[in-house]
Amino acid sequence: MDSFREARDFLLARRDRYDDAYRGFRWPRLDRFNWALDWFDAYARGNERTALRIVEDDGSERSLTFAETAARSDRVAGWLRSLGARRGDRLLLMLPNTVPLWETILAAMKLGVVVVPASTQLTPDDLKDRFERGGIRHVVADAGVARRFDGVPGDYTRIAVGGTAAGWHAYEEADAAPAGPFRPEGETRADDPLLLYFTSGTTKRPKLVLHTHESYPVGHLSTMYWIGLREGDVHWNISSPGWAKHAWSSFFAPWNAGATIFVLNYARFDARRVLKALAEHEVTTLCAPPTVWRFLINTDLSEFPLRLREAVSAGEPLNPEVIERVKQAWGIVIRDGYGQTETTAQIGNPPGQPVKPGSMGRPLPGYDIALLDAEGKEADEGEISIRLDPRPTPLMVGYLDDPGQTAKVTAGGFYRTGDVGSRDAAGFITYVGRADDVFKSSDYRISPFELESVMIEHPAVAEAAVVPCPDPLRLSVPKAYLLLRPGHQPGPELALALFRFVRDRLAPYKRIRRLEFGDLPKTISGKIRRVELRAAESAHADAGERSPGEYRWEDFAELLRSE
């Protein structure tokens, strides 16, 4: 416990001194550790500052102090124990941003129960997969989704939050459970399992990522440092429960720092409502995915005087145009960061450091990053990999049901992320793309992200996904699937305008040669499934046909060359 606090305090004291923090930080080595009991409860004792504040769409609000949160999670832990929850059991947690979400996670940690976070968007088939592969013994779910479990057989505890459901316990029953300090049944080993995540499945079916009582609670000290959190901050992470990013900075990172977690629940995203909430609730640190930032910059940001000190983005790389618009309006630079479900924040632009446009930043304290080429040698561009000597605390135990894949990604003394990056002389790493997304055209390597960044600078384009389109002459050519902003209509006039746009901004070998308008296939976590788009292009090529909605550079070649 003391070594955790010392590591935390070391980073907090050096939040503006990256070189000192990176050189001097060492992960605490723990034998016994239960973050909820040993850190949160100790920090919360007698602490009347706000730990959690949730504002609903109708303006109603609920807040809990640190002391109240600790006490309520004690009560919930005792109640879950009375229902049969025991150390090592797996509990599927399928809730929106509601107070019982935070209480249940803390309670499960205290019990030694393994939490399996789940999005409320999961289908019955998704749930069956999680039960079959995850070994679920208990469920805490929103009452509104209880019917989805009707087709999931098994003898498991069912708990409904926010309403009643036949055959389910009501979460409110916990209010009648005995109060008082929770007494754990034995000590928690730091390497005991804590979280079992199903990944978003952008290329294949979701993998099962196992984390321990040490890897995520302690590991998110790097995330705390990247965000630039301070004790007493009001931190808002715009993220949906059920995914690792929610645990990153809607749970561990802010409470490691002693910050207030803020949430605005809304039925439908409204940029002006979000900006108003940032101002009214005096949010000081904000983390939002690129999609949210792109929506926000369509509003006049200067209308909203904010107390924001730090702004960060993660999930997918953020485009330079968005960063510049926010800087002009608020004088704040959005700092990009990078990590995975399998890790915490590995790479980022911490506070007080120069930011290179387009770069994810530099390795964060506790991570030794190498870029490996196809032969496994270190290079200026290659697969982003983490040295395993010493093994960093935040790295997952492995893929629970796939030891072969675990061995593959950790072979040769490195953990390989599957992402490609390039590093400049100053050590800044720029994202190139997923290893299986980067492709060749006329023997040139093409980064989809680079081309997508150019496409969304056009005022008509909301989102873009670039994939290779098979071509008999060039092997493949870049094709962009585009989601348009409201008020813009697909058609040959817009296609021609976009071809002109990329002609003036990209070298000839990088230019988009095909365009198609429409919705983009995504995982339920919001990530674009380029694998589906690549498969569609291969299918059209095999059939020797052209996609019905496709526009090609050669359709306008004569006009484009004459201009």
Protein backbone atom coordinates (compact mmCIF):
# COMPACT_ATOMS: atom_id res chain seq x y z
CA MET A 1 0.00 0.00 0.00
CA ASP A 2 2.77 2.44 0.92
CA SER A 3 4.61 1.74 -2.33
CA PHE A 4 1.44 2.47 -4.33
CA ARG A 5 0.98 5.82 -2.61
CA GLU A 6 4.65 6.67 -3.11
CA ALA A 7 4.43 5.90 -6.85
CA ARG A 8 1.25 7.97 -7.13
CA ASP A 9 2.74 10.91 -5.27
CA PHE A 10 5.93 10.70 -7.36
CA LEU A 11 3.95 11.20 -10.58
CA LEU A 12 1.66 13.89 -9.16
CA ALA A 13 4.70 15.90 -8.10
CA ARG A 14 6.20 15.69 -11.60
CA ARG A 15 3.12 16.21 -13.75
CA ASP A 16 4.86 19.03 -15.68
CA ARG A 17 8.31 17.39 -15.71
CA TYR A 18 8.18 14.54 -18.19
CA ASP A 19 11.90 13.75 -18.30
CA ASP A 20 12.15 13.45 -14.53
CA ALA A 21 8.97 11.40 -14.31
CA TYR A 22 9.95 9.02 -17.09
CA ARG A 23 13.48 8.42 -15.83
CA GLY A 24 12.60 8.07 -12.17
CA PHE A 25 9.30 6.18 -12.14
CA ARG A 26 9.18 2.53 -11.15
CA TRP A 27 6.07 0.41 -10.85
CA PRO A 28 5.41 -0.56 -7.23
CA ARG A 29 5.82 -4.28 -6.67
CA LEU A 30 2.99 -5.62 -4.56
CA ASP A 31 2.31 -9.02 -3.06
CA ARG A 32 -1.06 -8.38 -1.39
CA PHE A 33 -3.25 -5.55 -2.70
CA ASN A 34 -6.93 -4.74 -2.93
CA TRP A 35 -7.34 -1.25 -4.39
CA ALA A 36 -10.90 -0.81 -3.05
CA LEU A 37 -9.96 -1.76 0.51
CA ASP A 38 -6.35 -0.63 0.74
CA TRP A 39 -6.49 2.59 -1.29
CA PHE A 40 -10.03 3.81 -1.88
CA ASP A 41 -11.43 3.12 1.59
CA ALA A 42 -8.34 4.55 3.28
CA TYR A 43 -8.51 7.68 1.10
CA ALA A 44 -12.27 8.01 1.60
CA ARG A 45 -12.27 7.73 5.38
CA GLY A 46 -13.71 11.01 6.69
CA ASN A 47 -13.36 12.56 3.20
CA GLU A 48 -16.43 14.69 2.45
CA ARG A 49 -15.28 15.91 -0.96
CA THR A 50 -17.44 14.81 -3.89
CA ALA A 51 -16.29 11.53 -5.44
CA LEU A 52 -19.05 11.12 -8.03
CA ARG A 53 -21.54 13.53 -9.56
CA ILE A 54 -24.10 12.36 -12.13
CA VAL A 55 -26.38 14.84 -13.90
CA GLU A 56 -29.37 13.47 -15.79
CA ASP A 57 -30.87 14.73 -19.03
CA ASP A 58 -33.72 16.38 -17.12
CA GLY A 59 -31.29 18.35 -14.94
CA SER A 60 -31.67 16.22 -11.82
CA GLU A 61 -28.43 15.39 -10.07
CA ARG A 62 -27.00 12.85 -7.66
CA SER A 63 -23.68 13.21 -5.85
CA LEU A 64 -21.78 11.04 -3.39
CA THR A 65 -18.80 11.97 -1.26
CA PHE A 66 -15.80 9.70 -1.02
CA ALA A 67 -16.90 8.64 2.46
CA GLU A 68 -20.46 7.88 1.28
CA THR A 69 -19.21 5.91 -1.71
CA ALA A 70 -16.98 3.74 0.46
CA ALA A 71 -19.78 3.09 2.96
CA ARG A 72 -22.36 2.25 0.27
CA SER A 73 -19.98 -0.14 -1.49
CA ASP A 74 -19.42 -1.89 1.86
CA ARG A 75 -23.17 -2.43 2.16
CA VAL A 76 -23.46 -3.69 -1.43
CA ALA A 77 -20.50 -6.06 -0.92
CA GLY A 78 -22.18 -7.58 2.14
CA TRP A 79 -25.46 -7.94 0.26
CA LEU A 80 -23.81 -9.62 -2.73
CA ARG A 81 -22.11 -12.01 -0.34
CA SER A 82 -25.52 -12.89 1.16
CA LEU A 83 -26.70 -13.75 -2.37
CA GLY A 84 -23.83 -16.19 -2.82
CA ALA A 85 -21.10 -14.11 -4.48
CA ARG A 86 -17.67 -15.49 -3.59
CA ARG A 87 -14.04 -14.82 -4.40
CA GLY A 88 -13.24 -15.83 -7.97
CA ASP A 89 -16.87 -15.77 -9.18
CA ARG A 90 -17.53 -13.79 -12.35
CA LEU A 91 -20.11 -11.01 -12.37
CA LEU A 92 -21.38 -9.51 -15.61
CA LEU A 93 -22.03 -5.79 -15.11
CA MET A 94 -24.37 -4.30 -17.73
CA LEU A 95 -25.31 -0.81 -16.57
CA PRO A 96 -25.39 2.72 -17.96
CA ASN A 97 -23.70 5.56 -16.06
CA THR A 98 -25.61 5.21 -12.82
CA VAL A 99 -24.42 5.24 -9.19
CA PRO A 100 -24.82 1.44 -8.75
CA LEU A 101 -22.19 0.94 -11.48
CA TRP A 102 -19.45 2.48 -9.32
CA GLU A 103 -20.78 0.90 -6.12
CA THR A 104 -20.88 -2.57 -7.66
CA ILE A 105 -17.34 -2.40 -9.04
CA LEU A 106 -15.99 -1.37 -5.64
CA ALA A 107 -18.09 -4.03 -3.89
CA ALA A 108 -16.92 -6.76 -6.26
CA MET A 109 -13.29 -5.76 -5.71
CA LYS A 110 -13.76 -6.00 -1.96
CA LEU A 111 -15.26 -9.48 -2.35
CA GLY A 112 -12.63 -10.68 -4.82
CA VAL A 113 -15.34 -11.18 -7.46
CA VAL A 114 -14.18 -10.82 -11.08
CA VAL A 115 -16.08 -8.11 -12.97
CA VAL A 116 -17.00 -8.68 -16.63
CA PRO A 117 -18.00 -5.23 -17.96
CA ALA A 118 -20.65 -5.27 -20.69
CA SER A 119 -22.18 -2.60 -22.89
CA THR A 120 -25.94 -2.07 -22.61
CA GLN A 121 -26.01 -2.41 -26.41
CA LEU A 122 -25.16 -6.11 -26.33
CA THR A 123 -27.59 -8.43 -28.07
CA PRO A 124 -28.87 -11.76 -26.70
CA ASP A 125 -26.36 -13.56 -28.94
CA ASP A 126 -23.54 -11.38 -27.53
CA LEU A 127 -24.67 -12.30 -24.03
CA LYS A 128 -24.75 -16.02 -24.80
CA ASP A 129 -21.14 -15.77 -26.02
CA ARG A 130 -20.07 -13.99 -22.84
CA PHE A 131 -21.78 -16.57 -20.64
CA GLU A 132 -20.33 -19.51 -22.56
CA ARG A 133 -16.77 -18.21 -22.66
CA GLY A 134 -16.81 -16.03 -19.55
CA GLY A 135 -18.25 -18.46 -17.01
CA ILE A 136 -20.70 -15.91 -15.60
CA ARG A 137 -22.20 -16.64 -12.15
CA HIS A 138 -23.89 -13.32 -11.35
CA VAL A 139 -25.48 -10.48 -13.34
CA VAL A 140 -26.13 -6.88 -12.34
CA ALA A 141 -28.00 -5.23 -15.21
CA ASP A 142 -30.30 -2.34 -15.97
CA ALA A 143 -33.94 -3.40 -15.60
CA GLY A 144 -34.61 -2.17 -19.12
CA VAL A 145 -32.37 -4.86 -20.63
CA ALA A 146 -33.42 -7.76 -18.37
CA ARG A 147 -35.53 -9.36 -21.13
CA ARG A 148 -32.37 -9.91 -23.21
CA PHE A 149 -31.32 -12.55 -20.69
CA ASP A 150 -34.48 -14.62 -21.22
CA GLY A 151 -32.69 -16.77 -23.76
CA VAL A 152 -29.51 -17.13 -21.70
CA PRO A 153 -29.87 -20.36 -19.71
CA GLY A 154 -28.14 -21.09 -16.45
CA ASP A 155 -28.38 -20.87 -12.69
CA TYR A 156 -26.99 -17.40 -12.09
CA THR A 157 -27.86 -14.57 -9.72
CA ARG A 158 -29.94 -11.87 -11.42
CA ILE A 159 -29.99 -8.32 -10.05
CA ALA A 160 -31.94 -5.51 -11.74
CA VAL A 161 -31.13 -1.82 -11.32
CA GLY A 162 -33.63 1.00 -11.79
CA GLY A 163 -36.79 -1.09 -11.87
CA THR A 164 -38.23 -4.55 -11.34
CA ALA A 165 -38.08 -7.68 -13.45
CA ALA A 166 -39.70 -11.06 -12.82
CA GLY A 167 -37.25 -13.47 -11.23
CA TRP A 168 -34.69 -10.75 -10.53
CA HIS A 169 -33.56 -9.22 -7.25
CA ALA A 170 -34.02 -5.46 -7.05
CA TYR A 171 -30.75 -3.64 -6.45
CA GLU A 172 -32.54 -1.49 -3.88
CA GLU A 173 -32.61 -4.53 -1.57
CA ALA A 174 -28.99 -3.65 -0.77
CA ASP A 175 -30.23 -0.58 1.13
CA ALA A 176 -31.59 -2.88 3.83
CA ALA A 177 -28.34 -4.82 4.17
CA PRO A 178 -26.34 -4.33 7.40
CA ALA A 179 -24.12 -1.27 7.49
CA GLY A 180 -20.64 -1.14 8.92
CA PRO A 181 -17.14 -1.85 7.66
CA PHE A 182 -16.88 -4.75 5.22
CA ARG A 183 -14.84 -7.68 6.49
CA PRO A 184 -13.11 -9.54 3.63
CA GLU A 185 -12.71 -13.29 3.70
CA GLY A 186 -8.94 -13.40 3.58
CA GLU A 187 -6.37 -11.28 1.81
CA THR A 188 -6.34 -10.38 -1.87
CA ARG A 189 -3.23 -11.27 -3.80
CA ALA A 190 -2.11 -8.55 -6.19
CA ASP A 191 -2.15 -11.08 -9.04
CA ASP A 192 -5.69 -12.29 -8.31
CA PRO A 193 -8.06 -11.75 -11.25
CA LEU A 194 -10.16 -8.57 -11.16
CA LEU A 195 -11.45 -7.67 -14.63
CA LEU A 196 -12.31 -9.78 -17.65
CA TYR A 197 -12.83 -7.67 -20.75
CA PHE A 198 -14.29 -8.78 -24.05
CA THR A 199 -12.59 -6.64 -26.71
CA SER A 200 -14.61 -4.75 -29.32
CA GLY A 201 -13.84 -7.24 -32.10
CA THR A 202 -12.83 -4.93 -34.94
CA THR A 203 -11.23 -7.75 -36.97
CA LYS A 204 -12.55 -11.00 -35.47
CA ARG A 205 -14.69 -12.22 -32.58
CA PRO A 206 -13.95 -10.51 -29.26
CA LYS A 207 -10.93 -11.70 -27.27
CA LEU A 208 -11.05 -12.18 -23.48
CA VAL A 209 -8.52 -9.92 -21.77
CA LEU A 210 -7.76 -10.73 -18.14
CA HIS A 211 -6.50 -8.10 -15.68
CA THR A 212 -5.58 -8.37 -12.02
CA HIS A 213 -5.96 -6.36 -8.83
CA GLU A 214 -2.58 -4.88 -9.68
CA SER A 215 -2.55 -4.45 -13.47
CA TYR A 216 -5.45 -2.01 -13.87
CA PRO A 217 -5.77 -0.21 -10.51
CA VAL A 218 -2.01 0.37 -10.22
CA GLY A 219 -1.40 0.44 -13.96
CA HIS A 220 -3.65 3.45 -14.43
CA LEU A 221 -1.12 5.63 -12.67
CA SER A 222 0.21 6.12 -16.22
CA THR A 223 -3.26 7.24 -17.35
CA MET A 224 -3.53 9.61 -14.40
CA TYR A 225 -0.20 11.14 -15.40
CA TRP A 226 -1.12 11.46 -19.08
CA ILE A 227 -4.42 13.21 -18.35
CA GLY A 228 -2.69 15.55 -15.91
CA LEU A 229 -5.13 14.96 -13.06
CA ARG A 230 -4.78 16.70 -9.74
CA GLU A 231 -6.43 16.10 -6.40
CA GLY A 232 -9.70 18.06 -6.34
CA ASP A 233 -10.17 18.16 -10.12
CA VAL A 234 -13.59 17.66 -11.69
CA HIS A 235 -12.97 15.11 -14.44
CA TRP A 236 -15.36 14.17 -17.22
CA ASN A 237 -14.60 11.20 -19.44
CA ILE A 238 -17.18 10.94 -22.23
CA SER A 239 -17.28 7.17 -22.55
CA SER A 240 -19.83 4.39 -22.42
CA PRO A 241 -19.65 1.78 -19.66
CA GLY A 242 -18.68 -1.72 -20.65
CA TRP A 243 -15.43 -0.82 -22.40
CA ALA A 244 -11.92 -0.48 -21.02
CA LYS A 245 -11.76 3.28 -21.63
CA HIS A 246 -14.51 3.74 -19.05
CA ALA A 247 -12.36 2.03 -16.41
CA TRP A 248 -9.39 4.10 -17.58
CA SER A 249 -10.70 7.54 -16.76
CA SER A 250 -14.19 7.14 -15.37
CA PHE A 251 -12.90 5.04 -12.49
CA PHE A 252 -9.25 4.31 -11.74
CA ALA A 253 -7.32 7.33 -13.04
CA PRO A 254 -9.46 10.05 -11.38
CA TRP A 255 -9.81 8.20 -8.08
CA ASN A 256 -6.10 7.43 -8.05
CA ALA A 257 -5.60 11.20 -8.12
CA GLY A 258 -8.44 12.04 -5.73
CA ALA A 259 -10.54 13.82 -8.38
CA THR A 260 -14.32 14.06 -8.72
CA ILE A 261 -15.81 11.92 -11.49
CA PHE A 262 -18.46 13.89 -13.42
CA VAL A 263 -21.03 12.38 -15.77
CA LEU A 264 -23.77 13.92 -17.90
CA ASN A 265 -26.32 11.35 -19.02
CA TYR A 266 -28.16 12.22 -22.22
CA ALA A 267 -30.55 10.33 -24.45
CA ARG A 268 -29.13 12.01 -27.54
CA PHE A 269 -25.79 13.76 -27.95
CA ASP A 270 -26.10 17.52 -28.21
CA ALA A 271 -22.88 19.49 -28.58
CA ARG A 272 -24.31 22.68 -27.06
CA ARG A 273 -25.68 20.76 -24.07
CA VAL A 274 -22.26 19.17 -23.49
CA LEU A 275 -20.50 22.53 -23.71
CA LYS A 276 -23.02 24.11 -21.35
CA ALA A 277 -22.48 21.30 -18.83
CA LEU A 278 -18.69 21.77 -19.02
CA ALA A 279 -19.17 25.41 -18.07
CA GLU A 280 -21.95 25.03 -15.47
CA HIS A 281 -20.26 22.21 -13.55
CA GLU A 282 -16.79 23.75 -13.75
CA VAL A 283 -15.16 20.69 -15.27
CA THR A 284 -11.38 21.05 -15.16
CA THR A 285 -10.22 17.98 -17.11
CA LEU A 286 -11.96 16.42 -20.10
CA CYS A 287 -11.34 13.23 -22.03
CA ALA A 288 -13.41 12.61 -25.15
CA PRO A 289 -13.09 10.38 -28.23
CA PRO A 290 -12.36 11.94 -31.62
CA THR A 291 -16.00 11.64 -32.73
CA VAL A 292 -17.13 13.86 -29.84
CA TRP A 293 -14.41 16.43 -30.50
CA ARG A 294 -15.47 16.59 -34.16
CA PHE A 295 -19.06 17.29 -33.14
CA LEU A 296 -17.99 19.95 -30.64
CA ILE A 297 -15.99 22.00 -33.14
CA ASN A 298 -19.11 22.41 -35.28
CA THR A 299 -20.38 24.71 -32.52
CA ASP A 300 -19.08 28.19 -31.75
CA LEU A 301 -16.76 27.19 -28.91
CA SER A 302 -16.08 30.80 -27.95
CA GLU A 303 -19.64 31.08 -26.58
CA PHE A 304 -18.72 28.87 -23.64
CA PRO A 305 -16.24 30.19 -21.06
CA LEU A 306 -14.76 27.11 -19.41
CA ARG A 307 -12.50 26.27 -16.50
CA LEU A 308 -10.88 23.47 -18.48
CA ARG A 309 -7.20 23.08 -17.75
CA GLU A 310 -6.58 19.78 -19.54
CA ALA A 311 -8.18 18.24 -22.63
CA VAL A 312 -7.23 14.81 -23.97
CA SER A 313 -8.43 12.37 -26.61
CA ALA A 314 -8.05 8.63 -27.07
CA GLY A 315 -9.65 5.70 -28.84
CA GLU A 316 -8.47 6.58 -32.33
CA PRO A 317 -5.95 9.23 -33.38
CA LEU A 318 -7.26 12.80 -33.46
CA ASN A 319 -6.94 14.87 -36.59
CA PRO A 320 -4.76 18.02 -36.46
CA GLU A 321 -7.59 20.27 -37.72
CA VAL A 322 -9.69 19.53 -34.62
CA ILE A 323 -6.77 20.27 -32.30
CA GLU A 324 -6.19 23.64 -33.96
CA ARG A 325 -9.86 24.68 -33.76
CA VAL A 326 -9.99 24.00 -30.01
CA LYS A 327 -6.69 25.79 -29.44
CA GLN A 328 -7.96 28.89 -31.24
CA ALA A 329 -11.18 28.96 -29.19
CA TRP A 330 -9.97 28.02 -25.70
CA GLY A 331 -6.20 28.31 -25.76
CA ILE A 332 -5.96 24.63 -24.81
CA VAL A 333 -4.13 21.97 -26.81
CA ILE A 334 -5.94 18.62 -26.98
CA ARG A 335 -3.32 16.07 -26.05
CA ASP A 336 -3.55 12.71 -27.76
CA GLY A 337 -2.81 9.41 -26.06
CA TYR A 338 -2.64 5.75 -26.93
CA GLY A 339 -3.32 2.48 -25.18
CA GLN A 340 -5.38 -0.69 -25.43
CA THR A 341 -7.75 -2.87 -23.45
CA GLU A 342 -4.69 -5.06 -22.88
CA THR A 343 -2.78 -2.18 -21.22
CA THR A 344 -3.27 1.26 -19.75
CA ALA A 345 -2.09 4.50 -21.41
CA GLN A 346 1.25 3.57 -23.02
CA ILE A 347 2.03 6.64 -25.10
CA GLY A 348 0.81 10.20 -24.69
CA ASN A 349 1.41 13.91 -24.61
CA PRO A 350 1.54 14.76 -20.88
CA PRO A 351 0.88 18.28 -19.55
CA GLY A 352 3.48 20.98 -19.93
CA GLN A 353 5.27 19.29 -22.83
CA PRO A 354 5.58 20.33 -26.47
CA VAL A 355 2.98 18.72 -28.70
CA LYS A 356 3.92 17.67 -32.21
CA PRO A 357 0.86 17.98 -34.49
CA GLY A 358 -0.40 14.55 -35.50
CA SER A 359 1.75 12.69 -32.95
CA MET A 360 0.46 10.51 -30.12
CA GLY A 361 3.37 11.70 -27.99
CA ARG A 362 6.13 9.82 -26.21
CA PRO A 363 6.24 6.68 -24.03
CA LEU A 364 4.60 7.29 -20.66
CA PRO A 365 6.30 6.53 -17.33
CA GLY A 366 6.60 2.80 -16.77
CA TYR A 367 6.56 1.85 -20.46
CA ASP A 368 9.61 1.03 -22.59
CA ILE A 369 8.37 1.25 -26.20
CA ALA A 370 10.10 -0.17 -29.27
CA LEU A 371 9.04 -0.12 -32.93
CA LEU A 372 9.71 -3.49 -34.57
CA ASP A 373 9.98 -4.10 -38.31
CA ALA A 374 8.85 -7.25 -40.13
CA GLU A 375 12.05 -9.05 -39.04
CA GLY A 376 11.53 -8.11 -35.40
CA LYS A 377 14.32 -5.53 -35.39
CA GLU A 378 13.99 -2.06 -33.95
CA ALA A 379 13.33 0.59 -36.58
CA ASP A 380 12.05 4.15 -37.02
CA GLU A 381 8.75 2.71 -38.21
CA GLY A 382 7.23 -0.56 -37.15
CA GLU A 383 4.82 -2.35 -34.86
CA ILE A 384 4.39 -0.57 -31.53
CA SER A 385 5.76 -3.00 -28.95
CA ILE A 386 6.47 -2.99 -25.21
CA ARG A 387 9.67 -4.45 -23.76
CA LEU A 388 8.91 -7.16 -21.25
CA ASP A 389 12.16 -6.96 -19.27
CA PRO A 390 11.01 -5.84 -16.80
CA ARG A 391 7.38 -6.71 -17.48
CA PRO A 392 5.27 -3.56 -16.96
CA THR A 393 2.59 -3.85 -14.29
CA PRO A 394 -0.34 -2.75 -16.51
CA LEU A 395 0.04 -5.50 -19.11
CA MET A 396 -2.78 -8.03 -19.11
CA VAL A 397 -2.25 -11.54 -17.79
CA GLY A 398 -3.21 -12.75 -21.26
CA TYR A 399 -6.10 -13.80 -23.48
CA LEU A 400 -8.05 -16.09 -21.22
CA ASP A 401 -9.23 -18.65 -23.77
CA ASP A 402 -6.38 -18.35 -26.27
CA PRO A 403 -2.93 -19.17 -24.83
CA GLY A 404 -1.59 -19.49 -28.36
CA GLN A 405 -2.46 -15.87 -29.16
CA THR A 406 -1.03 -14.76 -25.82
CA ALA A 407 2.24 -16.51 -26.63
CA LYS A 408 2.27 -15.00 -30.11
CA VAL A 409 1.86 -11.38 -28.99
CA THR A 410 4.46 -11.74 -26.19
CA ALA A 411 7.12 -13.69 -28.11
CA GLY A 412 10.72 -12.55 -28.27
CA GLY A 413 10.69 -10.38 -25.16
CA PHE A 414 8.09 -7.90 -26.45
CA TYR A 415 4.34 -7.42 -26.25
CA ARG A 416 3.19 -6.54 -29.77
CA THR A 417 0.18 -4.24 -30.01
CA GLY A 418 -0.75 -4.91 -33.62
CA ASP A 419 -0.51 -1.17 -34.36
CA VAL A 420 2.14 0.50 -36.51
CA GLY A 421 3.83 3.76 -35.61
CA SER A 422 6.76 5.92 -36.66
CA ARG A 423 9.20 7.68 -34.33
CA ASP A 424 11.09 10.90 -35.06
CA ALA A 425 14.48 12.02 -33.75
CA ALA A 426 12.89 13.66 -30.69
CA GLY A 427 11.15 10.43 -29.69
CA PHE A 428 7.60 11.42 -30.72
CA ILE A 429 5.53 8.52 -32.04
CA THR A 430 2.96 9.00 -34.79
CA TYR A 431 0.23 6.46 -35.43
CA VAL A 432 0.33 4.89 -38.88
CA GLY A 433 -2.48 2.33 -38.59
CA ARG A 434 -3.38 -1.18 -37.61
CA ALA A 435 -0.80 -3.61 -38.90
CA ASP A 436 -3.52 -5.32 -40.91
CA ASP A 437 -4.93 -1.99 -42.18
CA VAL A 438 -1.71 -0.61 -43.69
CA PHE A 439 -1.46 -1.63 -47.34
CA LYS A 440 0.67 -1.20 -50.46
CA SER A 441 -0.20 0.67 -53.64
CA SER A 442 2.34 0.68 -56.50
CA ASP A 443 4.89 -0.56 -53.92
CA TYR A 444 4.25 2.44 -51.64
CA ARG A 445 3.05 1.82 -48.08
CA ILE A 446 -0.25 3.61 -47.42
CA SER A 447 -1.43 4.67 -43.97
CA PRO A 448 -5.25 4.76 -43.94
CA PHE A 449 -5.22 7.18 -41.02
CA GLU A 450 -3.16 9.75 -42.91
CA LEU A 451 -5.61 9.75 -45.81
CA GLU A 452 -8.65 9.75 -43.52
CA SER A 453 -7.24 12.80 -41.73
CA VAL A 454 -7.16 14.69 -45.02
CA MET A 455 -10.66 13.59 -46.05
CA ILE A 456 -12.37 14.82 -42.88
CA GLU A 457 -10.85 18.26 -43.31
CA HIS A 458 -13.41 18.74 -46.09
CA PRO A 459 -16.52 20.46 -44.67
CA ALA A 460 -18.86 17.84 -46.17
CA VAL A 461 -17.20 14.84 -44.50
CA ALA A 462 -18.05 13.73 -40.98
CA GLU A 463 -16.16 10.42 -40.93
CA ALA A 464 -13.94 8.50 -43.33
CA ALA A 465 -12.56 4.98 -43.61
CA VAL A 466 -9.87 4.18 -46.17
CA VAL A 467 -9.23 0.63 -47.37
CA PRO A 468 -7.38 -0.94 -50.31
CA CYS A 469 -9.38 -1.53 -53.48
CA PRO A 470 -7.83 -4.28 -55.68
CA ASP A 471 -6.35 -2.85 -58.87
CA PRO A 472 -4.68 -4.85 -61.69
CA LEU A 473 -2.06 -2.16 -62.35
CA ARG A 474 -1.17 -0.82 -58.89
CA LEU A 475 -1.96 -3.98 -56.81
CA SER A 476 -4.43 -1.80 -54.91
CA VAL A 477 -5.59 1.81 -54.79
CA PRO A 478 -6.96 3.76 -51.81
CA LYS A 479 -10.73 3.87 -51.53
CA ALA A 480 -12.57 6.11 -49.06
CA TYR A 481 -15.95 5.26 -47.55
CA LEU A 482 -17.48 8.52 -46.37
CA LEU A 483 -20.18 9.51 -43.91
CA LEU A 484 -21.40 13.02 -44.76
CA ARG A 485 -22.30 15.87 -42.46
CA PRO A 486 -25.94 17.02 -42.35
CA GLY A 487 -26.86 19.26 -45.27
CA HIS A 488 -24.58 17.56 -47.80
CA GLN A 489 -25.87 15.21 -50.48
CA PRO A 490 -23.92 12.41 -52.16
CA GLY A 491 -23.54 12.59 -55.92
CA PRO A 492 -21.11 13.17 -58.77
CA GLU A 493 -20.73 16.89 -57.98
CA LEU A 494 -19.54 16.19 -54.45
CA ALA A 495 -17.37 13.30 -55.62
CA LEU A 496 -15.62 15.61 -58.10
CA ALA A 497 -15.13 18.25 -55.39
CA LEU A 498 -13.57 15.66 -53.09
CA PHE A 499 -11.23 14.34 -55.78
CA ARG A 500 -10.10 17.93 -56.36
CA PHE A 501 -9.66 18.37 -52.62
CA VAL A 502 -7.32 15.38 -52.22
CA ARG A 503 -5.47 16.18 -55.47
CA ASP A 504 -4.33 19.45 -53.94
CA ARG A 505 -3.31 17.92 -50.60
CA LEU A 506 -1.81 14.49 -51.25
CA ALA A 507 1.12 13.20 -53.25
CA PRO A 508 0.00 11.34 -56.41
CA TYR A 509 0.74 7.87 -55.00
CA LYS A 510 -1.42 8.57 -51.92
CA ARG A 511 -4.45 10.03 -53.64
CA ILE A 512 -7.87 8.56 -53.06
CA ARG A 513 -8.89 6.81 -56.31
CA ARG A 514 -12.34 5.55 -55.29
CA LEU A 515 -15.15 7.08 -53.22
CA GLU A 516 -18.37 5.69 -51.79
CA PHE A 517 -20.92 7.47 -49.58
CA GLY A 518 -22.97 5.92 -46.79
CA ASP A 519 -22.91 4.68 -43.22
CA LEU A 520 -19.76 3.06 -41.85
CA PRO A 521 -19.91 -0.40 -40.22
CA LYS A 522 -18.88 -0.17 -36.58
CA THR A 523 -18.45 -2.31 -33.51
CA ILE A 524 -20.82 -1.61 -30.64
CA SER A 525 -17.96 0.33 -29.04
CA GLY A 526 -17.98 2.71 -32.03
CA LYS A 527 -14.82 1.59 -33.82
CA ILE A 528 -14.96 1.33 -37.61
CA ARG A 529 -14.84 -2.24 -38.90
CA ARG A 530 -12.51 -1.75 -41.85
CA VAL A 531 -12.33 -5.53 -42.13
CA GLU A 532 -15.90 -5.50 -43.49
CA LEU A 533 -15.07 -2.81 -46.01
CA ARG A 534 -11.96 -4.67 -47.19
CA ALA A 535 -14.04 -7.83 -47.59
CA ALA A 536 -16.61 -5.93 -49.67
CA GLU A 537 -13.89 -4.63 -52.00
CA SER A 538 -12.42 -8.11 -52.41
CA ALA A 539 -15.86 -9.53 -53.19
CA HIS A 540 -16.51 -6.91 -55.89
CA ALA A 541 -13.08 -7.56 -57.40
CA ASP A 542 -13.61 -11.35 -57.42
CA ALA A 543 -16.94 -10.85 -59.16
CA GLY A 544 -15.38 -8.45 -61.65
CA GLU A 545 -17.93 -5.79 -60.83
CA ARG A 546 -18.01 -2.24 -59.58
CA SER A 547 -19.76 -1.27 -56.37
CA PRO A 548 -23.08 0.41 -57.38
CA GLY A 549 -22.46 3.56 -55.34
CA GLU A 550 -18.80 4.00 -56.22
CA TYR A 551 -17.20 7.02 -57.89
CA ARG A 552 -13.79 6.63 -59.49
CA TRP A 553 -10.98 9.08 -60.19
CA GLU A 554 -10.92 7.98 -63.82
CA ASP A 555 -14.60 9.00 -64.18
CA PHE A 556 -13.35 12.60 -63.88
CA ALA A 557 -9.76 12.11 -65.08
CA GLU A 558 -9.99 14.27 -68.19
CA LEU A 559 -11.50 17.17 -66.28
CA LEU A 560 -9.07 16.84 -63.35
CA ARG A 561 -6.04 16.77 -65.62
CA SER A 562 -7.15 19.82 -67.59
CA GLU A 563 -7.52 22.05 -64.53
